Amino acid sequence: MALTLSLVRHGQTVYNAEGRLQGWCDSPLTARGLAGVRTTAAHLARRPVTVAYVSPAGRAQTTAHEIMAHHPGAPLVTDPDLREFGFGDLEARPETDLAARYDPDTMFDEVLRGTFAGIPGGETGAQLRARVRSAFARIEQRHQRGHVLVVGHGLTLRAYLMMIGSDPAGPLPNASVSTVEVDSDGRRRVVASAVDVAGQGVPDVVGAAPALAR
C-alpha cells in the first residue's frame, strides 16, 4: 500500500485579494476564501486522512482545521519548514513593487529551482528548497502508507512538486488540491496537480494579480 499525500494550498486571503505579497507575513481568509476551503474540505471528506502537516501561518491553519473537521481524531502537526517563501523587505507590499525590481516569471522560476539570491531581509531559493526537502522527507519517513494531508503555500508546494519532477507551470490556485503517491521504495508519482476544486483560480476582485499572489 502506497503513501498518498494530499497537498492543499490555503484559501484566498485579504492580501491575496488586494494583490499584496504574502510570505512570512499573514492575513486572514476572505469570505470567498473560507467558502472555497469548505468546498475543498467536502471534496476531501471521503479520503481516509490520518494526519495533517501544516504551515504555522494562520491562513494555512484555518484551512487545515476546516478540512480536518471531516476527519475527527486525526492529529494536526505544525511544521515551520512548510511556511511560505520569505519576501523580506517586500512583505505585505503591493505585488507591483516586486514587478518593478524583478521579472516575476524569471524570479519565481529561480526561487523554485534554488538559484534566486533572495530579497533583503528574506531568504534565498536554496534555503526554501532545503527546508521543503527536509519537511517532506520527515513526512515520508514517518508515514510509509496511508493518507496524509499537507496544507501549505503556493511556492512551498510547487517546490516539492518540482523536486519530484512535476512542474504545475503556473501558480497553484487557492484551496487547490495536488495528489502525490509514494511507493514502498520511495518512488513518487504525481496523480493530480493543481486541481481547482473550489474555483478560486480566477479572482473576484478588480486589480488582483493571481500570477504573483501567494
Protein backbone atom coordinates (compact mmCIF):
# COMPACT_ATOMS: atom_id res chain seq x y z
CA MET A 1 0.00 0.00 0.00
CA ALA A 2 1.39 3.39 -1.02
CA LEU A 3 1.54 6.62 0.93
CA THR A 4 -0.84 9.21 -0.52
CA LEU A 5 -0.21 12.91 0.06
CA SER A 6 -2.99 15.45 -0.50
CA LEU A 7 -1.32 18.84 -0.92
CA VAL A 8 -3.63 21.82 -0.37
CA ARG A 9 -2.83 25.48 -0.80
CA HIS A 10 -4.56 27.76 1.74
CA GLY A 11 -7.74 29.60 0.77
CA GLN A 12 -7.84 33.13 -0.61
CA THR A 13 -6.73 35.76 1.91
CA VAL A 14 -7.17 39.51 2.27
CA TYR A 15 -3.65 40.10 0.91
CA ASN A 16 -4.29 37.73 -2.00
CA ALA A 17 -7.40 39.71 -2.90
CA GLU A 18 -5.55 43.03 -2.53
CA GLY A 19 -2.60 41.87 -4.63
CA ARG A 20 -0.05 42.08 -1.80
CA LEU A 21 2.99 39.87 -1.33
CA GLN A 22 2.45 37.38 1.45
CA GLY A 23 5.24 35.10 2.52
CA TRP A 24 6.14 35.07 6.20
CA CYS A 25 3.55 37.77 6.95
CA ASP A 26 -0.09 36.77 7.20
CA SER A 27 -3.67 37.90 6.62
CA PRO A 28 -7.00 36.18 7.29
CA LEU A 29 -9.09 34.30 4.77
CA THR A 30 -11.70 36.32 2.93
CA ALA A 31 -15.34 35.19 2.94
CA ARG A 32 -14.74 33.85 -0.56
CA GLY A 33 -11.61 32.10 0.64
CA LEU A 34 -13.38 30.42 3.54
CA ALA A 35 -16.22 29.27 1.27
CA GLY A 36 -13.67 27.82 -1.14
CA VAL A 37 -11.85 25.98 1.62
CA ARG A 38 -15.11 24.44 2.77
CA THR A 39 -15.75 23.24 -0.78
CA THR A 40 -12.31 21.65 -0.81
CA ALA A 41 -12.91 20.15 2.63
CA ALA A 42 -16.10 18.49 1.38
CA HIS A 43 -14.20 17.20 -1.66
CA LEU A 44 -11.59 15.58 0.61
CA ALA A 45 -14.07 14.29 3.19
CA ARG A 46 -14.03 10.74 1.81
CA ARG A 47 -10.26 10.46 1.74
CA PRO A 48 -9.07 8.45 4.77
CA VAL A 49 -6.81 11.18 6.17
CA THR A 50 -4.96 10.02 9.29
CA VAL A 51 -2.79 13.08 9.99
CA ALA A 52 -2.24 16.63 8.72
CA TYR A 53 1.02 18.57 8.44
CA VAL A 54 0.51 22.32 8.30
CA SER A 55 2.44 25.56 7.91
CA PRO A 56 2.38 27.74 11.05
CA ALA A 57 0.78 30.64 9.12
CA GLY A 58 -2.74 31.45 10.27
CA ARG A 59 -4.14 31.18 6.74
CA ALA A 60 -2.86 27.61 6.46
CA GLN A 61 -4.01 26.70 9.98
CA THR A 62 -7.55 27.91 9.28
CA THR A 63 -7.60 25.95 6.02
CA ALA A 64 -6.36 22.78 7.72
CA HIS A 65 -8.86 22.99 10.59
CA GLU A 66 -11.75 23.29 8.12
CA ILE A 67 -10.56 20.20 6.24
CA MET A 68 -9.79 18.18 9.35
CA ALA A 69 -13.26 18.82 10.76
CA HIS A 70 -14.25 15.95 8.44
CA HIS A 71 -11.58 13.70 9.98
CA PRO A 72 -12.19 13.80 13.76
CA GLY A 73 -9.46 12.30 15.88
CA ALA A 74 -6.71 12.73 13.28
CA PRO A 75 -3.84 14.86 14.65
CA LEU A 76 -2.66 18.15 13.17
CA VAL A 77 1.11 18.75 13.23
CA THR A 78 2.53 22.23 12.68
CA ASP A 79 5.82 22.20 10.74
CA PRO A 80 7.68 25.54 10.43
CA ASP A 81 9.50 24.26 7.34
CA LEU A 82 6.20 24.33 5.43
CA ARG A 83 5.92 28.14 5.67
CA GLU A 84 5.94 30.22 2.51
CA PHE A 85 8.98 31.77 0.82
CA GLY A 86 10.20 34.85 2.69
CA PHE A 87 9.88 38.07 0.67
CA GLY A 88 11.92 40.10 3.16
CA ASP A 89 11.62 43.85 2.74
CA LEU A 90 8.75 43.39 0.28
CA GLU A 91 6.46 41.53 2.69
CA ALA A 92 2.90 42.91 2.55
CA ARG A 93 3.88 45.33 -0.21
CA PRO A 94 1.88 45.54 -3.46
CA GLU A 95 2.95 42.93 -5.98
CA THR A 96 3.70 45.79 -8.37
CA ASP A 97 6.65 46.71 -6.10
CA LEU A 98 8.21 43.31 -6.77
CA ALA A 99 7.48 43.56 -10.50
CA ALA A 100 9.30 46.92 -10.56
CA ARG A 101 12.50 45.23 -9.32
CA TYR A 102 12.37 41.77 -10.87
CA ASP A 103 10.87 40.00 -13.83
CA PRO A 104 8.33 37.85 -11.92
CA ASP A 105 8.46 34.83 -14.24
CA THR A 106 12.25 34.69 -14.08
CA MET A 107 12.39 35.36 -10.35
CA PHE A 108 9.87 32.69 -9.34
CA ASP A 109 11.49 30.17 -11.65
CA GLU A 110 14.82 30.87 -9.93
CA VAL A 111 13.19 30.62 -6.49
CA LEU A 112 11.74 27.20 -7.31
CA ARG A 113 14.99 25.95 -8.82
CA GLY A 114 17.01 27.20 -5.85
CA THR A 115 19.13 29.77 -7.69
CA PHE A 116 17.47 33.02 -6.53
CA ALA A 117 19.79 35.12 -4.35
CA GLY A 118 16.94 36.45 -2.21
CA ILE A 119 15.34 39.77 -1.35
CA PRO A 120 17.00 41.72 1.51
CA GLY A 121 15.59 40.51 4.81
CA GLY A 122 14.16 37.36 3.22
CA GLU A 123 15.56 34.01 2.18
CA THR A 124 17.24 32.51 -0.86
CA GLY A 125 15.77 29.99 -3.25
CA ALA A 126 18.24 27.41 -1.97
CA GLN A 127 17.05 27.93 1.60
CA LEU A 128 13.43 27.43 0.54
CA ARG A 129 14.25 24.19 -1.29
CA ALA A 130 16.33 22.87 1.62
CA ARG A 131 13.56 23.27 4.19
CA VAL A 132 10.87 21.96 1.84
CA ARG A 133 13.01 18.91 1.13
CA SER A 134 13.53 18.42 4.87
CA ALA A 135 9.82 18.73 5.70
CA PHE A 136 8.67 16.23 3.10
CA ALA A 137 11.49 13.82 3.90
CA ARG A 138 10.26 13.71 7.51
CA ILE A 139 6.68 13.15 6.40
CA GLU A 140 7.64 10.36 4.01
CA GLN A 141 9.83 8.66 6.61
CA ARG A 142 7.15 8.78 9.33
CA HIS A 143 4.29 7.62 7.12
CA GLN A 144 5.13 4.96 4.57
CA ARG A 145 1.49 4.14 3.91
CA GLY A 146 -1.92 5.68 4.46
CA HIS A 147 -3.23 9.13 3.61
CA VAL A 148 -1.59 12.36 4.79
CA LEU A 149 -2.83 15.92 4.30
CA VAL A 150 -0.26 18.70 3.80
CA VAL A 151 -1.53 22.30 3.91
CA GLY A 152 0.86 24.98 2.78
CA HIS A 153 1.52 27.70 0.25
CA GLY A 154 1.93 28.30 -3.45
CA LEU A 155 5.73 28.32 -3.67
CA THR A 156 6.29 25.77 -0.92
CA LEU A 157 4.08 23.14 -2.52
CA ARG A 158 5.28 23.92 -6.04
CA ALA A 159 8.87 23.48 -4.89
CA TYR A 160 8.08 19.95 -3.69
CA LEU A 161 6.24 19.11 -6.92
CA MET A 162 9.19 20.37 -8.97
CA MET A 163 11.64 18.33 -6.88
CA ILE A 164 9.78 15.17 -7.83
CA GLY A 165 9.70 16.10 -11.50
CA SER A 166 6.31 17.75 -11.94
CA ASP A 167 6.03 21.48 -12.69
CA PRO A 168 2.45 22.79 -12.45
CA ALA A 169 3.54 25.51 -14.93
CA GLY A 170 1.86 28.30 -13.03
CA PRO A 171 0.64 29.37 -9.59
CA LEU A 172 -1.39 26.88 -7.58
CA PRO A 173 -4.95 28.20 -7.16
CA ASN A 174 -6.11 28.94 -3.63
CA ALA A 175 -7.67 25.86 -1.99
CA SER A 176 -6.44 23.66 -4.85
CA VAL A 177 -5.50 20.01 -4.38
CA SER A 178 -2.48 18.14 -5.73
CA THR A 179 -2.11 14.41 -5.07
CA VAL A 180 1.17 12.51 -4.82
CA GLU A 181 1.72 8.79 -4.25
CA VAL A 182 4.94 7.48 -2.70
CA ASP A 183 5.57 3.73 -3.02
CA SER A 184 7.46 1.49 -0.59
CA ASP A 185 10.71 2.10 -2.48
CA GLY A 186 10.36 5.87 -2.18
CA ARG A 187 9.34 6.42 -5.79
CA ARG A 188 6.97 9.38 -6.14
CA ARG A 189 4.20 9.81 -8.68
CA VAL A 190 2.03 12.90 -9.17
CA VAL A 191 -1.54 11.66 -9.57
CA ALA A 192 -3.09 15.13 -9.98
CA SER A 193 -1.70 18.64 -9.87
CA ALA A 194 -3.32 21.99 -9.00
CA VAL A 195 -6.91 20.73 -9.20
CA ASP A 196 -9.01 23.87 -8.70
CA VAL A 197 -11.74 22.20 -6.63
CA ALA A 198 -13.11 25.48 -5.27
CA GLY A 199 -12.85 27.52 -8.46
CA GLN A 200 -10.52 30.07 -6.85
CA GLY A 201 -8.11 30.29 -9.76
CA VAL A 202 -9.94 33.37 -11.03
CA PRO A 203 -10.04 36.40 -8.71
CA ASP A 204 -13.28 38.21 -7.87
CA VAL A 205 -11.53 41.49 -7.09
CA VAL A 206 -10.57 44.02 -9.76
CA GLY A 207 -6.83 44.55 -9.74
CA ALA A 208 -5.94 41.28 -8.01
CA ALA A 209 -2.87 39.61 -9.50
CA PRO A 210 -3.17 35.84 -9.15
CA ALA A 211 0.10 35.27 -11.04
CA LEU A 212 2.04 36.71 -8.10
CA ALA A 213 -0.26 36.32 -5.10
CA ARG A 214 0.92 33.79 -2.54
